[in-house]
Protein backbone atom coordinates (compact mmCIF):
# COMPACT_ATOMS: atom_id res chain seq x y z
CA MET A 1 6.17 39.75 6.27
CA LYS A 2 6.09 39.75 2.44
CA GLN A 3 9.86 39.26 2.30
CA LEU A 4 9.63 36.31 4.71
CA ILE A 5 6.87 34.65 2.69
CA LEU A 6 8.86 35.14 -0.54
CA LEU A 7 12.01 33.69 1.04
CA VAL A 8 10.20 30.61 2.37
CA THR A 9 8.51 30.07 -1.00
CA ILE A 10 11.84 30.15 -2.86
CA CYS A 11 13.38 27.74 -0.35
CA LEU A 12 10.50 25.27 -0.71
CA LEU A 13 10.87 25.30 -4.49
CA ILE A 14 14.66 24.90 -4.49
CA LEU A 15 15.31 22.49 -1.60
CA PRO A 16 14.11 19.25 -3.27
CA PHE A 17 16.56 19.83 -6.12
CA VAL A 18 19.59 20.21 -3.83
CA SER A 19 20.24 16.46 -4.03
CA LEU A 20 18.51 14.62 -6.82
CA SER A 21 21.00 11.76 -7.06
CA GLN A 22 19.30 8.45 -6.34
CA ASP A 23 20.48 6.52 -3.31
CA SER A 24 20.70 3.10 -4.99
CA SER A 25 19.06 0.99 -7.63
CA PHE A 26 16.14 0.45 -5.23
CA GLN A 27 13.89 3.53 -5.13
CA LEU A 28 11.12 4.24 -2.64
CA LYS A 29 8.77 4.85 -5.56
CA ASP A 30 9.35 1.24 -6.68
CA TYR A 31 7.80 -0.24 -3.54
CA LYS A 32 4.30 -1.68 -3.69
CA TYR A 33 2.68 -1.86 -0.27
CA ARG A 34 0.65 -5.05 -0.03
CA THR A 35 -1.09 -6.32 3.09
CA PRO A 36 -4.02 -8.72 3.62
CA GLY A 37 -5.15 -6.65 6.58
CA PHE A 38 -3.20 -4.22 8.76
CA LYS A 39 -5.09 -3.43 11.98
CA ALA A 40 -4.47 -0.94 14.78
CA LEU A 41 -6.42 -0.20 17.97
CA LEU A 42 -5.70 2.96 19.96
CA LEU A 43 -7.08 3.90 23.38
CA ASN A 44 -6.55 7.27 25.04
CA PHE A 45 -8.05 8.17 28.42
CA ASN A 46 -7.68 11.52 30.13
CA ALA A 47 -9.19 12.57 33.46
CA SER A 48 -8.74 15.68 35.58
CA GLY A 49 -10.37 17.16 38.65
CA SER A 50 -10.04 19.80 41.32
CA LEU A 51 -11.59 20.80 44.64
CA TYR A 52 -11.40 23.80 46.91
CA ASP A 53 -12.59 24.68 50.42
CA GLY A 54 -12.20 28.14 51.92
CA LYS A 55 -13.79 31.36 53.10
CA GLY A 56 -15.49 33.89 50.88
CA GLY A 57 -15.49 37.69 51.16
CA THR A 58 -18.12 37.60 53.92
CA ARG A 59 -16.35 34.80 55.80
CA THR A 60 -18.83 32.34 54.30
CA ASP A 61 -17.73 28.79 53.63
CA VAL A 62 -17.07 28.28 49.94
CA LYS A 63 -16.63 24.77 48.58
CA GLY A 64 -16.49 23.32 45.14
CA ASN A 65 -15.25 20.51 42.95
CA GLN A 66 -15.09 19.61 39.31
CA PHE A 67 -14.25 16.52 37.28
CA ASN A 68 -13.58 16.08 33.56
CA SER A 69 -12.85 13.00 31.50
CA ASN A 70 -12.22 12.49 27.81
CA SER A 71 -11.63 9.13 26.14
CA VAL A 72 -10.88 8.18 22.55
CA ILE A 73 -11.04 4.70 21.05
CA ASN A 74 -9.86 4.38 17.44
CA TYR A 75 -9.84 1.26 15.28
CA TYR A 76 -8.00 1.40 11.96
CA ARG A 77 -7.78 -1.18 9.17
CA ILE A 78 -6.00 -1.28 5.79
CA ILE A 79 -6.19 -3.85 3.00
CA SER A 80 -3.92 -3.36 -0.02
CA THR A 81 -3.72 -5.78 -2.95
CA ASP A 82 -3.06 -5.31 -6.66
CA LYS A 83 -6.80 -4.98 -7.31
CA ARG A 84 -8.08 -3.31 -4.14
CA GLN A 85 -7.33 -0.63 -1.57
CA HIS A 86 -9.45 -0.53 1.57
CA ILE A 87 -9.30 1.88 4.51
CA SER A 88 -11.79 1.86 7.38
CA THR A 89 -11.87 3.61 10.74
CA ILE A 90 -14.15 3.45 13.76
CA SER A 91 -13.87 5.99 16.57
CA PHE A 92 -15.75 6.52 19.82
CA ASN A 93 -15.26 9.63 21.95
CA PRO A 94 -17.18 9.92 25.27
CA VAL A 95 -16.77 13.16 27.26
CA PHE A 96 -17.98 13.81 30.83
CA ASN A 97 -17.87 17.13 32.72
CA PHE A 98 -19.14 17.85 36.23
CA VAL A 99 -19.02 21.06 38.30
CA LYS A 100 -20.44 21.69 41.78
CA ASN A 101 -20.19 24.85 43.91
CA ASP A 102 -21.39 25.27 47.51
CA THR A 103 -21.67 28.56 49.42
CA GLY A 104 -22.65 28.64 53.08
CA GLY A 105 -23.83 25.07 53.01
CA VAL A 106 -26.19 25.71 50.07
CA VAL A 107 -25.56 24.35 46.61
CA THR A 108 -25.29 27.43 44.39
CA GLU A 109 -24.41 25.70 41.14
CA ARG A 110 -24.38 22.20 39.72
CA ASN A 111 -23.64 21.40 36.10
CA ARG A 112 -23.30 18.00 34.45
CA GLN A 113 -22.63 17.33 30.79
CA ILE A 114 -22.25 14.08 28.84
CA ILE A 115 -21.24 13.98 25.18
CA LEU A 116 -21.10 10.78 23.15
CA ASP A 117 -19.58 10.97 19.67
CA ALA A 118 -19.14 7.98 17.34
CA ASP A 119 -17.91 7.87 13.73
CA TRP A 120 -17.46 5.15 11.13
CA SER A 121 -15.91 5.57 7.70
CA ARG A 122 -14.68 3.29 4.96
CA VAL A 123 -13.57 3.57 1.36
CA ASP A 124 -12.79 0.86 -1.21
CA ARG A 125 -10.98 1.44 -4.48
CA PHE A 126 -10.97 -1.26 -7.14
CA PHE A 127 -8.26 -1.17 -9.83
CA ASN A 128 -7.82 -2.72 -13.25
CA SER A 129 -4.56 -3.51 -15.04
CA ARG A 130 -4.23 0.08 -16.36
CA ASN A 131 -4.56 1.58 -12.87
CA LEU A 132 -8.03 2.91 -13.56
CA PHE A 133 -10.26 2.66 -10.51
CA PHE A 134 -13.72 3.22 -9.18
CA GLU A 135 -14.38 3.82 -5.52
CA VAL A 136 -17.24 3.57 -3.10
CA GLY A 137 -17.27 4.68 0.50
CA ASN A 138 -19.40 5.90 3.36
CA GLU A 139 -19.06 8.21 6.36
CA LEU A 140 -21.49 7.88 9.28
CA GLY A 141 -21.52 10.04 12.39
CA VAL A 142 -23.68 10.02 15.53
CA VAL A 143 -23.52 12.54 18.38
CA SER A 144 -25.53 12.92 21.59
CA ASN A 145 -25.29 15.74 24.11
CA SER A 146 -27.02 15.97 27.51
CA GLN A 147 -26.55 18.86 29.94
CA ASN A 148 -28.25 19.51 33.28
CA TYR A 149 -27.72 22.81 35.10
CA ARG A 150 -29.15 23.76 38.48
CA SER A 151 -28.86 26.84 40.69
CA PRO A 152 -31.16 28.75 43.11
CA PHE A 153 -32.14 31.03 40.23
CA ARG A 154 -32.40 28.74 37.23
CA ASP A 155 -32.83 25.10 36.31
CA SER A 156 -32.23 23.97 32.75
CA LYS A 157 -31.97 20.76 30.77
CA ILE A 158 -30.54 20.67 27.27
CA LYS A 159 -30.54 17.59 25.10
CA SER A 160 -29.53 17.20 21.48
CA ASN A 161 -29.04 14.25 19.17
CA GLY A 162 -27.79 14.12 15.63
CA ILE A 163 -26.97 11.64 12.91
CA SER A 164 -25.34 12.23 9.52
CA ASN A 165 -24.39 10.00 6.62
CA MET A 166 -22.50 10.67 3.40
CA LEU A 167 -22.04 8.29 0.47
CA ILE A 168 -18.86 8.51 -1.63
CA LEU A 169 -18.87 7.47 -5.29
CA GLY A 170 -15.90 8.11 -7.53
CA ALA A 171 -13.60 7.09 -10.34
CA GLY A 172 -10.14 8.02 -11.49
CA LYS A 173 -6.67 6.95 -12.52
CA GLY A 174 -3.53 6.33 -10.51
CA ARG A 175 -2.62 5.01 -7.11
CA LEU A 176 -0.84 6.24 -3.99
CA GLU A 177 1.37 3.63 -2.33
CA ASN A 178 2.57 3.60 1.28
CA VAL A 179 6.38 3.53 1.22
CA GLN A 180 7.27 4.07 4.89
CA ASP A 181 8.35 0.42 5.27
CA ALA A 182 10.70 0.81 2.30
CA GLN A 183 12.08 3.94 3.96
CA MET A 184 12.78 1.95 7.14
CA ALA A 185 14.57 -0.79 5.15
CA LYS A 186 16.81 1.70 3.35
CA PHE A 187 17.74 3.57 6.54
CA ILE A 188 18.74 0.29 8.24
CA ILE A 189 20.89 -0.76 5.27
CA ASN A 190 22.45 2.70 4.85
CA ASP A 191 23.35 3.06 8.54
CA LEU A 192 24.87 -0.43 8.70
CA GLN A 193 26.91 0.43 5.61
CA LYS A 194 28.11 3.74 7.09
CA MET A 195 29.21 1.91 10.25
CA GLY A 196 31.16 -0.62 8.18
CA LEU A 197 29.02 -3.47 9.51
CA LEU A 198 27.89 -4.98 6.19
CA ASP A 199 29.86 -7.80 4.58
CA ARG A 200 28.37 -6.82 1.24
CA VAL A 201 26.02 -4.18 -0.15
CA PRO A 202 22.61 -5.74 -0.90
CA ASP A 203 21.18 -5.38 -4.37
CA ALA A 204 17.80 -3.81 -5.13
CA ALA A 205 15.93 -7.13 -4.91
CA THR A 206 17.31 -7.85 -1.42
CA GLN A 207 16.40 -4.37 -0.17
CA TYR A 208 12.90 -4.84 -1.57
CA GLU A 209 12.63 -8.16 0.30
CA LEU A 210 13.60 -6.41 3.55
CA ALA A 211 10.87 -3.81 3.01
CA VAL A 212 8.31 -6.60 2.44
CA LEU A 213 9.52 -8.29 5.63
CA ILE A 214 9.04 -5.06 7.62
CA THR A 215 5.48 -4.77 6.27
CA ASP A 216 4.80 -8.35 7.37
CA ILE A 217 6.26 -7.66 10.84
CA ASN A 218 4.01 -4.62 11.26
CA ASN A 219 0.98 -6.71 10.30
CA ARG A 220 1.44 -9.02 13.30
CA ARG A 221 -0.31 -8.22 16.58
CA VAL A 222 1.73 -8.85 19.74
CA PHE A 223 0.28 -7.20 22.86
CA ASP A 224 3.28 -7.69 25.17
CA ASP A 225 5.71 -4.88 24.22
CA ARG A 226 8.77 -6.79 25.43
CA LYS A 227 7.87 -9.92 23.46
CA ARG A 228 6.90 -7.79 20.47
CA LEU A 229 10.31 -6.07 20.32
CA ILE A 230 12.12 -9.41 20.62
CA TYR A 231 9.99 -10.83 17.81
CA GLU A 232 10.57 -7.81 15.53
CA LEU A 233 14.35 -7.56 15.97
CA THR A 234 14.80 -11.33 15.74
CA ARG A 235 13.10 -11.44 12.34
CA ILE A 236 15.21 -8.56 10.99
CA ASP A 237 18.41 -10.13 12.33
CA SER A 238 17.50 -13.52 10.86
CA PHE A 239 16.91 -11.94 7.46
CA LEU A 240 20.21 -10.03 7.42
CA GLN A 241 22.15 -13.14 8.42
CA SER A 242 20.32 -15.46 6.02
CA LYS A 243 21.23 -13.11 3.16
CA GLN A 244 24.85 -13.14 4.40
CA LEU A 245 24.84 -9.38 4.82
CA VAL A 246 26.15 -9.65 8.40
CA LYS A 247 28.22 -12.68 9.43
CA THR A 248 29.34 -11.66 12.93
CA PRO A 249 26.73 -9.66 14.83
CA SER A 250 28.13 -7.16 17.33
CA ILE A 251 26.90 -4.61 19.85
CA ALA A 252 27.34 -1.87 17.22
CA TYR A 253 25.27 -3.92 14.75
CA PHE A 254 22.49 -4.52 17.26
CA THR A 255 22.26 -0.89 18.43
CA THR A 256 22.21 0.37 14.83
CA VAL A 257 19.23 -1.83 13.96
CA ASN A 258 17.55 -1.18 17.32
CA ASP A 259 17.92 2.61 17.08
CA ASN A 260 16.46 2.66 13.58
CA TRP A 261 13.54 0.53 14.69
CA LEU A 262 12.65 2.39 17.90
CA LEU A 263 13.68 5.97 17.10
CA ALA A 264 11.53 6.22 13.99
CA PHE A 265 8.56 8.44 13.28
CA ASN A 266 7.53 6.21 10.37
CA PRO A 267 5.33 8.89 8.79
CA GLY A 268 2.66 7.87 6.31
CA ARG A 269 4.97 8.57 3.39
CA LEU A 270 3.37 8.02 -0.01
CA SER A 271 4.38 7.68 -3.64
CA GLY A 272 2.34 8.10 -6.80
CA THR A 273 -0.21 10.28 -8.56
CA ARG A 274 -3.98 10.01 -8.31
CA ILE A 275 -6.53 11.88 -10.41
CA TYR A 276 -10.12 11.50 -9.26
CA ALA A 277 -13.71 12.65 -9.62
CA GLN A 278 -16.20 12.10 -6.81
CA LEU A 279 -19.85 12.62 -6.02
CA LYS A 280 -20.79 12.77 -2.35
CA PRO A 281 -24.50 12.97 -1.50
CA GLY A 282 -25.53 13.06 2.14
CA ILE A 283 -28.15 13.76 4.78
CA SER A 284 -28.12 14.85 8.40
CA PHE A 285 -30.85 15.06 11.02
CA ASN A 286 -30.63 16.89 14.35
CA VAL A 287 -33.09 17.39 17.18
CA ALA A 288 -32.60 19.57 20.25
CA GLY A 289 -34.70 20.37 23.28
CA VAL A 290 -34.39 22.97 26.03
CA ARG A 291 -36.35 22.98 29.30
CA MET A 292 -35.73 25.89 31.65
CA THR A 293 -37.32 27.45 34.71
CA ASP A 294 -36.13 30.38 36.80
CA SER A 295 -37.32 32.38 39.78
CA THR A 296 -38.76 35.29 37.80
CA SER A 297 -40.49 33.92 34.70
CA PHE A 298 -42.77 31.29 33.25
CA PRO A 299 -41.12 27.96 32.41
CA TYR A 300 -39.48 28.08 29.00
CA LYS A 301 -39.62 25.25 26.48
CA ASP A 302 -37.93 25.03 23.08
CA ASP A 303 -37.79 22.18 20.56
CA THR A 304 -35.86 22.34 17.29
CA LYS A 305 -35.64 19.92 14.39
CA GLN A 306 -33.23 20.35 11.53
CA ILE A 307 -32.93 18.20 8.44
CA GLU A 308 -30.27 18.80 5.82
CA TYR A 309 -29.67 17.30 2.37
CA PHE A 310 -26.60 17.97 0.30
CA TYR A 311 -24.62 16.80 -2.69
CA GLU A 312 -20.97 17.55 -3.42
CA PRO A 313 -19.20 16.85 -6.73
CA GLU A 314 -15.41 17.15 -6.59
CA ILE A 315 -12.47 16.74 -8.94
CA GLY A 316 -8.87 16.71 -7.83
CA ILE A 317 -5.31 15.50 -8.15
CA GLU A 318 -2.84 14.26 -5.55
CA TYR A 319 0.88 13.97 -6.22
CA GLN A 320 3.46 12.38 -3.92
CA LYS A 321 7.04 11.80 -5.01
CA PRO A 322 9.97 10.50 -2.93
CA ILE A 323 12.75 12.28 -4.81
CA THR A 324 15.40 10.55 -2.72
CA LEU A 325 15.41 8.77 0.61
CA GLN A 326 15.75 12.16 2.32
CA TRP A 327 13.46 14.35 0.19
CA GLN A 328 9.75 14.21 -0.57
CA ARG A 329 7.67 16.46 -2.80
CA VAL A 330 3.90 16.81 -2.26
CA ALA A 331 1.26 18.65 -4.27
CA SER A 332 -2.53 18.57 -4.44
CA ALA A 333 -5.40 20.58 -5.89
CA SER A 334 -9.17 20.13 -5.86
CA ILE A 335 -12.33 21.94 -6.88
CA ARG A 336 -15.63 21.12 -5.25
CA PHE A 337 -19.17 22.43 -5.34
CA ARG A 338 -21.52 21.80 -2.44
CA GLN A 339 -25.26 22.42 -2.56
CA THR A 340 -27.05 22.21 0.78
CA PHE A 341 -30.80 22.30 1.47
CA ARG A 342 -31.79 22.90 5.09
CA ARG A 343 -35.17 22.97 6.78
CA ASP A 344 -35.52 24.19 10.39
CA THR A 345 -38.65 23.68 12.46
CA ARG A 346 -38.88 25.30 15.88
CA LYS A 347 -41.56 25.27 18.56
CA SER A 348 -41.22 27.26 21.77
CA GLU A 349 -43.35 28.17 24.78
CA SER A 350 -42.61 31.06 27.13
CA ILE A 351 -44.40 33.70 29.19
CA SER A 352 -45.34 35.47 25.94
CA GLY A 353 -47.09 32.37 24.59
CA PRO A 354 -46.36 29.60 22.08
CA VAL A 355 -44.41 30.28 18.91
CA GLU A 356 -43.94 28.06 15.86
CA PHE A 357 -41.36 28.82 13.22
CA GLU A 358 -40.26 27.07 10.02
CA GLN A 359 -37.56 28.15 7.60
CA PHE A 360 -36.07 26.71 4.44
CA GLU A 361 -32.60 27.76 3.28
CA THR A 362 -30.14 26.79 0.57
CA TYR A 363 -26.36 27.07 0.75
CA PRO A 364 -24.46 26.81 -2.55
CA GLN A 365 -20.68 26.92 -2.13
CA LEU A 366 -17.79 26.64 -4.58
CA SER A 367 -14.29 26.06 -3.20
CA PHE A 368 -10.76 25.56 -4.46
CA ASN A 369 -7.99 24.04 -2.31
CA SER A 370 -4.34 23.58 -3.20
CA PHE A 371 -1.11 22.67 -1.46
CA TYR A 372 2.56 22.33 -2.34
CA GLY A 373 5.00 20.97 0.19
CA VAL A 374 8.42 19.49 0.79
CA GLY A 375 9.42 16.84 3.30
CA TYR A 376 12.94 16.30 4.62
CA PHE A 377 13.95 13.03 6.32
CA PRO A 378 17.70 13.12 7.09
CA THR A 379 17.35 10.12 9.44
CA ASN A 380 14.61 7.90 10.79
CA ARG A 381 14.50 10.02 13.95
CA THR A 382 14.12 13.41 12.24
CA ILE A 383 11.29 14.79 10.13
CA VAL A 384 10.76 18.31 8.75
CA ASN A 385 7.80 19.35 6.58
CA GLY A 386 7.06 22.72 4.99
CA GLY A 387 4.41 23.81 2.57
CA LEU A 388 2.35 26.51 0.87
CA SER A 389 -1.44 26.39 0.77
CA PHE A 390 -3.97 28.46 -1.13
CA ASP A 391 -7.73 28.21 -0.61
CA ALA A 392 -10.58 30.15 -2.19
CA VAL A 393 -14.30 29.95 -1.35
CA TYR A 394 -17.43 31.59 -2.74
CA GLY A 395 -20.76 30.86 -1.11
CA GLN A 396 -24.29 32.06 -0.54
CA GLN A 397 -27.01 31.71 2.09
CA ASN A 398 -30.38 31.97 0.37
CA MET A 399 -33.41 32.54 2.60
CA GLY A 400 -36.98 33.46 1.88
CA ILE A 401 -36.33 37.12 2.66
CA GLY A 402 -33.02 37.59 0.88
CA ARG A 403 -29.47 36.42 0.36
CA HIS A 404 -26.07 36.64 2.03
CA SER A 405 -22.95 36.03 -0.04
CA TYR A 406 -19.28 35.79 0.84
CA PHE A 407 -15.94 35.35 -0.86
CA SER A 408 -12.60 34.51 0.75
CA LEU A 409 -8.97 33.93 -0.21
CA VAL A 410 -6.58 32.27 2.25
CA PRO A 411 -2.90 31.78 1.33
CA GLY A 412 -0.76 30.22 4.05
CA LEU A 413 2.60 28.76 5.07
CA ARG A 414 3.02 25.54 7.09
CA LEU A 415 5.99 24.16 9.00
CA SER A 416 6.26 21.08 11.21
CA ALA A 417 9.24 19.26 12.67
CA GLY A 418 9.93 16.36 15.01
CA TYR A 419 13.09 14.93 16.52
CA PHE A 420 13.95 12.02 18.80
CA ILE A 421 16.67 13.20 21.20
CA ASN A 422 16.83 9.71 22.69
CA PHE A 423 14.53 6.77 23.50
CA ARG A 424 12.67 8.80 26.14
CA THR A 425 12.66 12.32 24.74
CA ARG A 426 10.98 13.84 21.70
CA LEU A 427 10.63 17.39 20.39
CA PHE A 428 7.76 18.65 18.21
CA LEU A 429 7.12 21.95 16.46
CA ASP A 430 4.13 23.13 14.41
CA ALA A 431 3.79 26.64 13.01
CA ASP A 432 1.72 28.41 10.38
CA ILE A 433 1.09 31.86 8.94
CA ASN A 434 -2.20 32.65 7.16
CA TYR A 435 -3.58 35.70 5.41
CA TYR A 436 -7.38 35.99 5.23
CA TYR A 437 -9.17 38.21 2.75
CA THR A 438 -12.95 37.98 3.11
CA GLU A 439 -15.71 39.95 1.40
CA PHE A 440 -19.33 39.94 2.59
CA ARG A 441 -22.45 41.10 0.77
CA ASP A 442 -26.00 41.30 2.13
CA ASN A 443 -29.03 42.27 0.04
CA ILE A 444 -31.50 41.77 2.91
CA ILE A 445 -30.91 45.14 4.53
CA SER A 446 -29.19 46.73 1.51
CA MET A 447 -25.92 46.82 3.39
CA PRO A 448 -22.91 47.64 1.19
CA ALA A 449 -20.14 45.10 0.81
CA TYR A 450 -17.41 45.14 3.41
CA ASN A 451 -14.05 43.42 3.55
CA LYS A 452 -11.87 41.85 6.21
CA ASN A 453 -8.10 41.49 6.00
CA ILE A 454 -6.50 39.43 8.75
CA VAL A 455 -3.03 37.94 9.20
CA THR A 456 -2.66 35.17 11.77
CA GLY A 457 0.34 33.28 13.04
CA ASN A 458 0.34 30.22 15.26
CA PHE A 459 2.97 27.93 16.70
CA ASN A 460 2.96 24.93 18.99
CA PHE A 461 6.14 23.56 20.56
CA GLY A 462 6.08 20.23 22.36
CA PHE A 463 8.57 18.48 24.59
CA SER A 464 7.85 14.91 25.66
CA HIS A 465 10.04 12.99 28.11
CA ILE A 466 9.35 9.64 29.77
CA ILE A 467 10.79 9.79 33.30
CA PHE A 468 10.45 6.08 34.07
């Protein structure tokens, strides 16, 4: 394992330097992404169910059914000008689960759960002529959970609601620019040139104009996919012909542009360096209630309220560099301290009588996070990313009766890859290896410190094919 980690580390450090020659006078790092308002709306809906009807071990009729649904609605908006960067997202995620079992004509179990989760976030950065900026943002989350369970032996109702809000205030220097549209422009030009379909090689200014055109195309909303594709390819073709890059369009010319446009991952590739300092104060409030009765005991009732305040100062640096069209180098590091104050109030009633409980706790935590990675983009249809991460955390849980403390170190390796085989088929791979060293201390029961050492490995391989 150590030899493998060392080998991967050396490869990640060397690979970006294999080809440092620039592709042309127009560099990805030169592109400035500007848009008055890019918008995207995504809807995902998933539903599943099952039913069964048969005989049990005693020849008793056994019936049952279940249904699950999960939906996600995401709205995304970007504004990018010389003086301002704005990113906002709104998401709504309703979840519904239902289970019913029937034995011998009697309902033996019924469970229904509804979860509603909504989030809103936005951040605005305002720049001056020296690329100094201040930023302000907000993150708001609301969640509601309702669950009803019924059987011949127990009935229960569980409800919980929570709301949280965090304010983001910061300042820094530097800017990260989206350069994926410039990447698309360069791949189109390069592939046309390799096929011998260009009448002349465009200069840097013309390639920059094509990248700006692609950004403008992506800003337009056309809901009919067929009309959208016609609109997109027509604008690219008109540009190439107006610049006298292609005089006689052909099938080879069309398929080259079309393949680049459709078989493209268009990752959120960035360029630039950003140094920042942030302060993030926040508050959350949660209430939960349980009502339960069964055939052997007194009805049980439990109500809990939790209020939490926190503040989190953070300093960090983000570095993104497109070394060439094919290679990308990424690095980041941050240090943050989070101080949390939590108050729990609990009231319960059971066969043993009423109980009231209140507890105040504090949670200081200091963490360090870092990452170094390399991206490889041989074509628009292929993407490979690898990286090394290192995280360290020290924290405490301070209660009225004592203190828990913990310390952890987590180095890890990351690898992801994606490839378009054709218009209908894609391959995906994600894998990681992590080593966890964790140390716990507890002065409440005078327990000596103990350590945990764990190595984990995960991989996920995906194959997606559209049949028709």
